[in-house]
Amino acid sequence: MERTALFPGSFDPFTLGHLAVATRALTVFDRLVIGVGENTDKRGLLTPERRKDLILKVFEAEPRVTVVLYEGLTGDYCRRAGIRHLVRGIRNVADFEYEHAMEMANTQIYPEITTVAVFTPAEYIPVSSRLVREIITMGGDAGNFLPHNINIKNYL
């Protein structure tokens, strides 16, 4: 039986930290669906369509990765798609506490879905999409925090 997981997020933009989590998840799952969701609490830099295009470029040589846009609750998307595992990246204690609370709530609503925490490698702990957005917005070069085959200017 093929094991598929959803790695959901806003990915605005997709960073080296996201790439590390996705790469690690592929050692556990046969397929990874990267779900680009809309987070209404975050001010966007890239449109969801541009985020999807960027992630597709990052994984163009990896046939086990697909990228989708979705709206609404992540658990509802999982049910519609027949996905029973969520992958969540953990950088620090704050991420852990947030993701743990989300997992506990999701278990009550979607008992068939299991959340798998993947810890971000140490070198990417300080990297966040928010930091990268700030650097880009202020005219800086965020290339050290983005996948190497990506020129962020092509997606702005």
N, C-alpha and C. Protein backbone atom coordinates (compact mmCIF):
# COMPACT_ATOMS: atom_id res chain seq x y z
N MET A 1 0.84 -1.18 0.00
CA MET A 1 0.00 0.00 0.00
C MET A 1 0.88 1.25 0.00
N GLU A 2 0.59 2.15 -0.92
CA GLU A 2 1.39 3.37 -1.03
C GLU A 2 1.07 4.33 0.13
N ARG A 3 2.11 4.86 0.72
CA ARG A 3 1.96 5.81 1.81
C ARG A 3 2.14 7.22 1.26
N THR A 4 1.07 8.01 1.35
CA THR A 4 1.08 9.38 0.87
C THR A 4 0.85 10.32 2.04
N ALA A 5 1.59 11.43 2.06
CA ALA A 5 1.41 12.43 3.10
C ALA A 5 1.20 13.79 2.45
N LEU A 6 0.49 14.63 3.17
CA LEU A 6 0.32 16.03 2.77
C LEU A 6 1.23 16.88 3.63
N PHE A 7 2.02 17.73 2.99
CA PHE A 7 2.84 18.73 3.67
C PHE A 7 2.17 20.07 3.38
N PRO A 8 1.30 20.53 4.32
CA PRO A 8 0.56 21.76 4.06
C PRO A 8 1.30 22.99 4.58
N GLY A 9 1.04 24.12 3.96
CA GLY A 9 1.60 25.37 4.42
C GLY A 9 1.27 26.49 3.47
N SER A 10 1.64 27.69 3.88
CA SER A 10 1.46 28.82 2.97
C SER A 10 2.66 28.95 2.04
N PHE A 11 3.84 28.53 2.50
CA PHE A 11 5.06 28.49 1.66
C PHE A 11 5.27 29.81 0.90
N ASP A 12 5.27 30.89 1.63
CA ASP A 12 5.35 32.22 1.02
C ASP A 12 6.59 32.97 1.48
N PRO A 13 7.75 32.66 0.89
CA PRO A 13 8.03 31.68 -0.14
C PRO A 13 8.52 30.35 0.45
N PHE A 14 8.71 29.37 -0.42
CA PHE A 14 9.25 28.05 -0.07
C PHE A 14 10.74 28.22 0.19
N THR A 15 11.19 27.84 1.39
CA THR A 15 12.58 28.07 1.81
C THR A 15 13.39 26.78 1.83
N LEU A 16 14.67 26.92 2.13
CA LEU A 16 15.52 25.74 2.31
C LEU A 16 15.05 24.89 3.49
N GLY A 17 14.47 25.51 4.49
CA GLY A 17 13.91 24.75 5.61
C GLY A 17 12.75 23.88 5.15
N HIS A 18 11.86 24.43 4.33
CA HIS A 18 10.76 23.64 3.77
C HIS A 18 11.31 22.49 2.93
N LEU A 19 12.32 22.79 2.12
CA LEU A 19 12.93 21.77 1.27
C LEU A 19 13.50 20.63 2.12
N ALA A 20 14.17 20.97 3.22
CA ALA A 20 14.75 19.96 4.10
C ALA A 20 13.67 19.08 4.72
N VAL A 21 12.57 19.68 5.14
CA VAL A 21 11.48 18.90 5.73
C VAL A 21 10.87 17.98 4.67
N ALA A 22 10.63 18.51 3.48
CA ALA A 22 10.05 17.69 2.40
C ALA A 22 10.97 16.54 2.03
N THR A 23 12.26 16.81 1.94
CA THR A 23 13.24 15.78 1.58
C THR A 23 13.26 14.69 2.64
N ARG A 24 13.22 15.08 3.91
CA ARG A 24 13.18 14.09 4.98
C ARG A 24 11.89 13.29 4.95
N ALA A 25 10.78 13.95 4.66
CA ALA A 25 9.49 13.25 4.60
C ALA A 25 9.50 12.19 3.50
N LEU A 26 10.22 12.44 2.42
CA LEU A 26 10.29 11.47 1.33
C LEU A 26 11.06 10.21 1.72
N THR A 27 11.77 10.22 2.83
CA THR A 27 12.43 9.00 3.31
C THR A 27 11.44 8.11 4.07
N VAL A 28 10.28 8.67 4.43
CA VAL A 28 9.27 7.94 5.19
C VAL A 28 8.06 7.58 4.31
N PHE A 29 7.71 8.48 3.40
CA PHE A 29 6.50 8.31 2.58
C PHE A 29 6.87 8.05 1.13
N ASP A 30 5.99 7.32 0.45
CA ASP A 30 6.19 7.02 -0.97
C ASP A 30 5.90 8.22 -1.85
N ARG A 31 4.91 9.00 -1.44
CA ARG A 31 4.52 10.19 -2.18
C ARG A 31 4.30 11.33 -1.21
N LEU A 32 4.62 12.54 -1.66
CA LEU A 32 4.39 13.73 -0.85
C LEU A 32 3.61 14.73 -1.68
N VAL A 33 2.48 15.14 -1.14
CA VAL A 33 1.68 16.19 -1.74
C VAL A 33 1.98 17.46 -0.96
N ILE A 34 2.50 18.45 -1.64
CA ILE A 34 2.74 19.74 -0.99
C ILE A 34 1.52 20.60 -1.26
N GLY A 35 0.81 20.92 -0.19
CA GLY A 35 -0.44 21.66 -0.31
C GLY A 35 -0.24 23.12 0.03
N VAL A 36 -0.41 23.96 -0.97
CA VAL A 36 -0.29 25.40 -0.77
C VAL A 36 -1.66 25.92 -0.37
N GLY A 37 -1.77 26.29 0.89
CA GLY A 37 -3.03 26.82 1.41
C GLY A 37 -2.94 28.32 1.60
N GLU A 38 -4.07 28.91 1.77
CA GLU A 38 -4.13 30.34 2.00
C GLU A 38 -4.25 30.59 3.49
N ASN A 39 -3.28 31.29 4.07
CA ASN A 39 -3.32 31.64 5.49
C ASN A 39 -3.76 33.09 5.59
N THR A 40 -4.98 33.31 6.05
CA THR A 40 -5.52 34.67 6.11
C THR A 40 -4.84 35.52 7.17
N ASP A 41 -4.06 34.91 8.07
CA ASP A 41 -3.34 35.67 9.09
C ASP A 41 -2.01 36.23 8.58
N LYS A 42 -1.58 35.78 7.40
CA LYS A 42 -0.29 36.20 6.87
C LYS A 42 -0.47 37.10 5.66
N ARG A 43 0.32 38.16 5.61
CA ARG A 43 0.33 39.04 4.45
C ARG A 43 1.20 38.39 3.38
N GLY A 44 0.66 38.20 2.22
CA GLY A 44 1.35 37.46 1.18
C GLY A 44 2.35 38.27 0.38
N LEU A 45 3.43 37.62 -0.01
CA LEU A 45 4.42 38.18 -0.93
C LEU A 45 4.12 37.66 -2.34
N LEU A 46 3.88 36.35 -2.43
CA LEU A 46 3.61 35.70 -3.71
C LEU A 46 2.17 35.24 -3.76
N THR A 47 1.59 35.23 -4.95
CA THR A 47 0.25 34.67 -5.10
C THR A 47 0.34 33.16 -4.89
N PRO A 48 -0.75 32.53 -4.50
CA PRO A 48 -0.72 31.06 -4.36
C PRO A 48 -0.26 30.36 -5.64
N GLU A 49 -0.68 30.86 -6.80
CA GLU A 49 -0.28 30.24 -8.06
C GLU A 49 1.23 30.34 -8.27
N ARG A 50 1.83 31.48 -7.91
CA ARG A 50 3.28 31.65 -8.03
C ARG A 50 4.02 30.74 -7.07
N ARG A 51 3.47 30.58 -5.85
CA ARG A 51 4.08 29.67 -4.87
C ARG A 51 4.08 28.25 -5.41
N LYS A 52 2.96 27.86 -5.99
CA LYS A 52 2.87 26.51 -6.58
C LYS A 52 3.90 26.35 -7.69
N ASP A 53 4.00 27.33 -8.57
CA ASP A 53 4.98 27.26 -9.67
C ASP A 53 6.40 27.14 -9.15
N LEU A 54 6.73 27.91 -8.10
CA LEU A 54 8.07 27.88 -7.51
C LEU A 54 8.37 26.49 -6.97
N ILE A 55 7.42 25.90 -6.23
CA ILE A 55 7.64 24.58 -5.63
C ILE A 55 7.74 23.52 -6.72
N LEU A 56 6.93 23.63 -7.76
CA LEU A 56 7.04 22.69 -8.89
C LEU A 56 8.43 22.74 -9.50
N LYS A 57 9.00 23.94 -9.62
CA LYS A 57 10.35 24.10 -10.16
C LYS A 57 11.37 23.41 -9.24
N VAL A 58 11.22 23.59 -7.94
CA VAL A 58 12.15 22.97 -6.98
C VAL A 58 12.15 21.45 -7.13
N PHE A 59 10.97 20.87 -7.35
CA PHE A 59 10.85 19.41 -7.39
C PHE A 59 10.65 18.86 -8.80
N GLU A 60 11.07 19.60 -9.79
CA GLU A 60 10.83 19.17 -11.18
C GLU A 60 11.45 17.81 -11.50
N ALA A 61 12.49 17.41 -10.79
CA ALA A 61 13.13 16.12 -11.05
C ALA A 61 12.69 15.03 -10.06
N GLU A 62 11.69 15.32 -9.23
CA GLU A 62 11.23 14.36 -8.22
C GLU A 62 9.78 13.98 -8.51
N PRO A 63 9.57 12.83 -9.16
CA PRO A 63 8.21 12.44 -9.55
C PRO A 63 7.30 12.05 -8.38
N ARG A 64 7.87 11.86 -7.20
CA ARG A 64 7.04 11.47 -6.05
C ARG A 64 6.39 12.66 -5.37
N VAL A 65 6.69 13.87 -5.85
CA VAL A 65 6.14 15.09 -5.25
C VAL A 65 5.13 15.71 -6.21
N THR A 66 3.96 16.02 -5.67
CA THR A 66 2.98 16.81 -6.41
C THR A 66 2.67 18.05 -5.59
N VAL A 67 2.20 19.07 -6.26
CA VAL A 67 1.89 20.34 -5.59
C VAL A 67 0.46 20.71 -5.95
N VAL A 68 -0.31 21.05 -4.93
CA VAL A 68 -1.71 21.43 -5.14
C VAL A 68 -2.01 22.73 -4.41
N LEU A 69 -2.99 23.44 -4.92
CA LEU A 69 -3.57 24.58 -4.21
C LEU A 69 -4.85 24.07 -3.56
N TYR A 70 -5.10 24.50 -2.34
CA TYR A 70 -6.37 24.12 -1.71
C TYR A 70 -6.84 25.23 -0.79
N GLU A 71 -8.14 25.23 -0.56
CA GLU A 71 -8.76 26.19 0.35
C GLU A 71 -9.47 25.42 1.46
N GLY A 72 -9.71 26.09 2.53
CA GLY A 72 -10.46 25.48 3.63
C GLY A 72 -9.57 24.72 4.58
N LEU A 73 -10.20 23.87 5.37
CA LEU A 73 -9.49 23.12 6.39
C LEU A 73 -8.63 22.02 5.77
N THR A 74 -7.43 21.89 6.29
CA THR A 74 -6.49 20.89 5.79
C THR A 74 -7.05 19.48 5.93
N GLY A 75 -7.67 19.20 7.05
CA GLY A 75 -8.25 17.87 7.26
C GLY A 75 -9.34 17.56 6.24
N ASP A 76 -10.13 18.55 5.88
CA ASP A 76 -11.16 18.33 4.86
C ASP A 76 -10.52 18.01 3.51
N TYR A 77 -9.41 18.72 3.19
CA TYR A 77 -8.72 18.41 1.94
C TYR A 77 -8.19 16.97 1.98
N CYS A 78 -7.61 16.58 3.11
CA CYS A 78 -7.09 15.21 3.25
C CYS A 78 -8.19 14.18 3.02
N ARG A 79 -9.33 14.41 3.60
CA ARG A 79 -10.45 13.48 3.41
C ARG A 79 -10.83 13.38 1.93
N ARG A 80 -10.96 14.52 1.27
CA ARG A 80 -11.34 14.52 -0.15
C ARG A 80 -10.31 13.79 -1.00
N ALA A 81 -9.03 13.95 -0.64
CA ALA A 81 -7.94 13.38 -1.43
C ALA A 81 -7.56 11.96 -0.98
N GLY A 82 -8.13 11.49 0.10
CA GLY A 82 -7.80 10.15 0.60
C GLY A 82 -6.43 10.08 1.25
N ILE A 83 -5.97 11.18 1.81
CA ILE A 83 -4.65 11.25 2.46
C ILE A 83 -4.84 11.09 3.97
N ARG A 84 -4.04 10.22 4.56
CA ARG A 84 -4.20 9.92 5.99
C ARG A 84 -3.02 10.38 6.86
N HIS A 85 -2.04 11.07 6.26
CA HIS A 85 -0.89 11.55 7.02
C HIS A 85 -0.60 13.01 6.69
N LEU A 86 -0.30 13.77 7.72
CA LEU A 86 0.16 15.15 7.57
C LEU A 86 1.61 15.22 8.00
N VAL A 87 2.40 15.99 7.29
CA VAL A 87 3.78 16.26 7.68
C VAL A 87 3.85 17.71 8.14
N ARG A 88 4.43 17.92 9.30
CA ARG A 88 4.61 19.28 9.82
C ARG A 88 6.06 19.46 10.22
N GLY A 89 6.65 20.56 9.80
CA GLY A 89 8.03 20.87 10.15
C GLY A 89 8.09 21.58 11.49
N ILE A 90 9.09 21.20 12.28
CA ILE A 90 9.28 21.78 13.61
C ILE A 90 10.67 22.39 13.68
N ARG A 91 10.74 23.71 13.91
CA ARG A 91 12.03 24.40 14.04
C ARG A 91 12.41 24.64 15.49
N ASN A 92 11.40 24.88 16.33
CA ASN A 92 11.69 25.31 17.70
C ASN A 92 10.53 24.95 18.61
N VAL A 93 10.64 25.34 19.87
CA VAL A 93 9.63 25.01 20.87
C VAL A 93 8.29 25.66 20.52
N ALA A 94 8.31 26.88 20.02
CA ALA A 94 7.06 27.55 19.65
C ALA A 94 6.34 26.77 18.55
N ASP A 95 7.09 26.32 17.54
CA ASP A 95 6.50 25.50 16.48
C ASP A 95 5.91 24.22 17.07
N PHE A 96 6.66 23.59 17.97
CA PHE A 96 6.20 22.34 18.58
C PHE A 96 4.88 22.55 19.31
N GLU A 97 4.81 23.60 20.13
CA GLU A 97 3.59 23.84 20.90
C GLU A 97 2.41 24.12 19.99
N TYR A 98 2.61 24.93 18.95
CA TYR A 98 1.54 25.23 18.00
C TYR A 98 1.08 23.96 17.28
N GLU A 99 2.04 23.20 16.76
CA GLU A 99 1.70 22.00 16.00
C GLU A 99 1.07 20.92 16.88
N HIS A 100 1.52 20.84 18.13
CA HIS A 100 0.93 19.87 19.05
C HIS A 100 -0.53 20.22 19.33
N ALA A 101 -0.82 21.49 19.56
CA ALA A 101 -2.20 21.92 19.78
C ALA A 101 -3.05 21.65 18.54
N MET A 102 -2.51 21.91 17.36
CA MET A 102 -3.24 21.64 16.12
C MET A 102 -3.51 20.15 15.97
N GLU A 103 -2.51 19.34 16.29
CA GLU A 103 -2.66 17.88 16.17
C GLU A 103 -3.74 17.37 17.12
N MET A 104 -3.77 17.89 18.33
CA MET A 104 -4.79 17.46 19.28
C MET A 104 -6.19 17.82 18.80
N ALA A 105 -6.34 19.02 18.24
CA ALA A 105 -7.65 19.43 17.70
C ALA A 105 -8.01 18.59 16.48
N ASN A 106 -7.04 18.39 15.59
CA ASN A 106 -7.30 17.60 14.38
C ASN A 106 -7.70 16.17 14.72
N THR A 107 -7.10 15.60 15.76
CA THR A 107 -7.43 14.23 16.16
C THR A 107 -8.89 14.12 16.58
N GLN A 108 -9.42 15.18 17.17
CA GLN A 108 -10.83 15.17 17.57
C GLN A 108 -11.75 15.24 16.35
N ILE A 109 -11.34 16.00 15.34
CA ILE A 109 -12.19 16.20 14.16
C ILE A 109 -11.93 15.15 13.09
N TYR A 110 -10.66 14.78 12.92
CA TYR A 110 -10.24 13.86 11.86
C TYR A 110 -9.43 12.71 12.48
N PRO A 111 -10.06 11.80 13.18
CA PRO A 111 -9.31 10.75 13.88
C PRO A 111 -8.53 9.82 12.96
N GLU A 112 -8.86 9.78 11.71
CA GLU A 112 -8.17 8.90 10.76
C GLU A 112 -6.85 9.49 10.23
N ILE A 113 -6.59 10.77 10.54
CA ILE A 113 -5.40 11.44 10.03
C ILE A 113 -4.34 11.51 11.13
N THR A 114 -3.12 11.08 10.79
CA THR A 114 -2.00 11.10 11.72
C THR A 114 -1.03 12.20 11.31
N THR A 115 -0.62 13.00 12.28
CA THR A 115 0.38 14.04 12.02
C THR A 115 1.76 13.51 12.36
N VAL A 116 2.70 13.71 11.46
CA VAL A 116 4.08 13.30 11.66
C VAL A 116 4.93 14.57 11.72
N ALA A 117 5.62 14.76 12.83
CA ALA A 117 6.50 15.93 12.99
C ALA A 117 7.87 15.59 12.43
N VAL A 118 8.38 16.48 11.60
CA VAL A 118 9.72 16.34 11.04
C VAL A 118 10.53 17.54 11.51
N PHE A 119 11.63 17.26 12.19
CA PHE A 119 12.43 18.34 12.74
C PHE A 119 13.35 18.93 11.67
N THR A 120 13.37 20.24 11.63
CA THR A 120 14.20 20.96 10.69
C THR A 120 15.67 20.79 11.07
N PRO A 121 16.55 20.54 10.10
CA PRO A 121 17.98 20.46 10.41
C PRO A 121 18.47 21.77 11.05
N ALA A 122 19.46 21.65 11.92
CA ALA A 122 19.94 22.78 12.72
C ALA A 122 20.29 24.00 11.89
N GLU A 123 20.89 23.80 10.71
CA GLU A 123 21.32 24.95 9.92
C GLU A 123 20.16 25.78 9.37
N TYR A 124 18.94 25.22 9.39
CA TYR A 124 17.77 25.95 8.88
C TYR A 124 16.82 26.43 9.96
N ILE A 125 17.17 26.22 11.22
CA ILE A 125 16.29 26.64 12.31
C ILE A 125 15.98 28.13 12.26
N PRO A 126 16.95 29.00 11.97
CA PRO A 126 16.59 30.43 11.95
C PRO A 126 15.86 30.88 10.68
N VAL A 127 15.71 30.01 9.70
CA VAL A 127 15.11 30.39 8.43
C VAL A 127 13.59 30.26 8.51
N SER A 128 12.90 31.35 8.25
CA SER A 128 11.44 31.33 8.20
C SER A 128 10.99 32.10 6.96
N SER A 129 9.80 31.77 6.48
CA SER A 129 9.26 32.51 5.34
C SER A 129 9.10 33.99 5.69
N ARG A 130 8.73 34.25 6.93
CA ARG A 130 8.56 35.65 7.35
C ARG A 130 9.88 36.42 7.22
N LEU A 131 10.97 35.82 7.68
CA LEU A 131 12.28 36.45 7.56
C LEU A 131 12.62 36.68 6.09
N VAL A 132 12.41 35.68 5.26
CA VAL A 132 12.73 35.78 3.85
C VAL A 132 11.88 36.86 3.18
N ARG A 133 10.58 36.91 3.50
CA ARG A 133 9.71 37.96 2.94
C ARG A 133 10.22 39.34 3.32
N GLU A 134 10.64 39.48 4.57
CA GLU A 134 11.13 40.77 5.05
C GLU A 134 12.39 41.19 4.29
N ILE A 135 13.31 40.26 4.11
CA ILE A 135 14.54 40.56 3.37
C ILE A 135 14.20 41.01 1.95
N ILE A 136 13.33 40.26 1.29
CA ILE A 136 12.97 40.57 -0.09
C ILE A 136 12.25 41.90 -0.18
N THR A 137 11.31 42.14 0.72
CA THR A 137 10.54 43.38 0.72
C THR A 137 11.43 44.60 0.91
N MET A 138 12.50 44.42 1.70
CA MET A 138 13.42 45.54 1.97
C MET A 138 14.52 45.65 0.91
N GLY A 139 14.43 44.84 -0.14
CA GLY A 139 15.38 44.94 -1.25
C GLY A 139 16.65 44.14 -1.06
N GLY A 140 16.68 43.27 -0.06
CA GLY A 140 17.87 42.47 0.20
C GLY A 140 17.90 41.20 -0.64
N ASP A 141 19.02 40.50 -0.54
CA ASP A 141 19.22 39.24 -1.26
C ASP A 141 18.96 38.08 -0.30
N ALA A 142 17.87 37.36 -0.53
CA ALA A 142 17.50 36.23 0.32
C ALA A 142 17.94 34.90 -0.27
N GLY A 143 18.79 34.93 -1.27
CA GLY A 143 19.21 33.73 -1.98
C GLY A 143 19.79 32.64 -1.10
N ASN A 144 20.43 33.00 0.00
CA ASN A 144 21.02 32.00 0.90
C ASN A 144 19.97 31.17 1.63
N PHE A 145 18.72 31.61 1.60
CA PHE A 145 17.65 30.94 2.33
C PHE A 145 16.67 30.21 1.41
N LEU A 146 16.90 30.31 0.10
CA LEU A 146 15.99 29.73 -0.88
C LEU A 146 16.65 28.59 -1.63
N PRO A 147 15.85 27.65 -2.15
CA PRO A 147 16.43 26.57 -2.96
C PRO A 147 17.29 27.16 -4.08
N HIS A 148 18.40 26.50 -4.36
CA HIS A 148 19.41 27.07 -5.24
C HIS A 148 18.99 27.21 -6.70
N ASN A 149 18.00 26.45 -7.14
CA ASN A 149 17.56 26.58 -8.53
C ASN A 149 16.44 27.61 -8.69
N ILE A 150 16.23 28.44 -7.66
CA ILE A 150 15.16 29.43 -7.68
C ILE A 150 15.71 30.84 -7.71
N ASN A 151 15.24 31.63 -8.67
CA ASN A 151 15.48 33.07 -8.68
C ASN A 151 14.15 33.70 -8.29
N ILE A 152 14.06 34.16 -7.06
CA ILE A 152 12.80 34.65 -6.52
C ILE A 152 12.22 35.79 -7.36
N LYS A 153 13.06 36.55 -8.03
CA LYS A 153 12.57 37.66 -8.85
C LYS A 153 11.66 37.18 -9.97
N ASN A 154 11.82 35.93 -10.39
CA ASN A 154 10.96 35.37 -11.44
C ASN A 154 9.55 35.10 -10.94
N TYR A 155 9.33 35.17 -9.64
CA TYR A 155 8.02 34.83 -9.06
C TYR A 155 7.33 36.01 -8.42
N LEU A 156 8.00 37.15 -8.32
CA LEU A 156 7.41 38.33 -7.68
C LEU A 156 6.40 39.00 -8.59
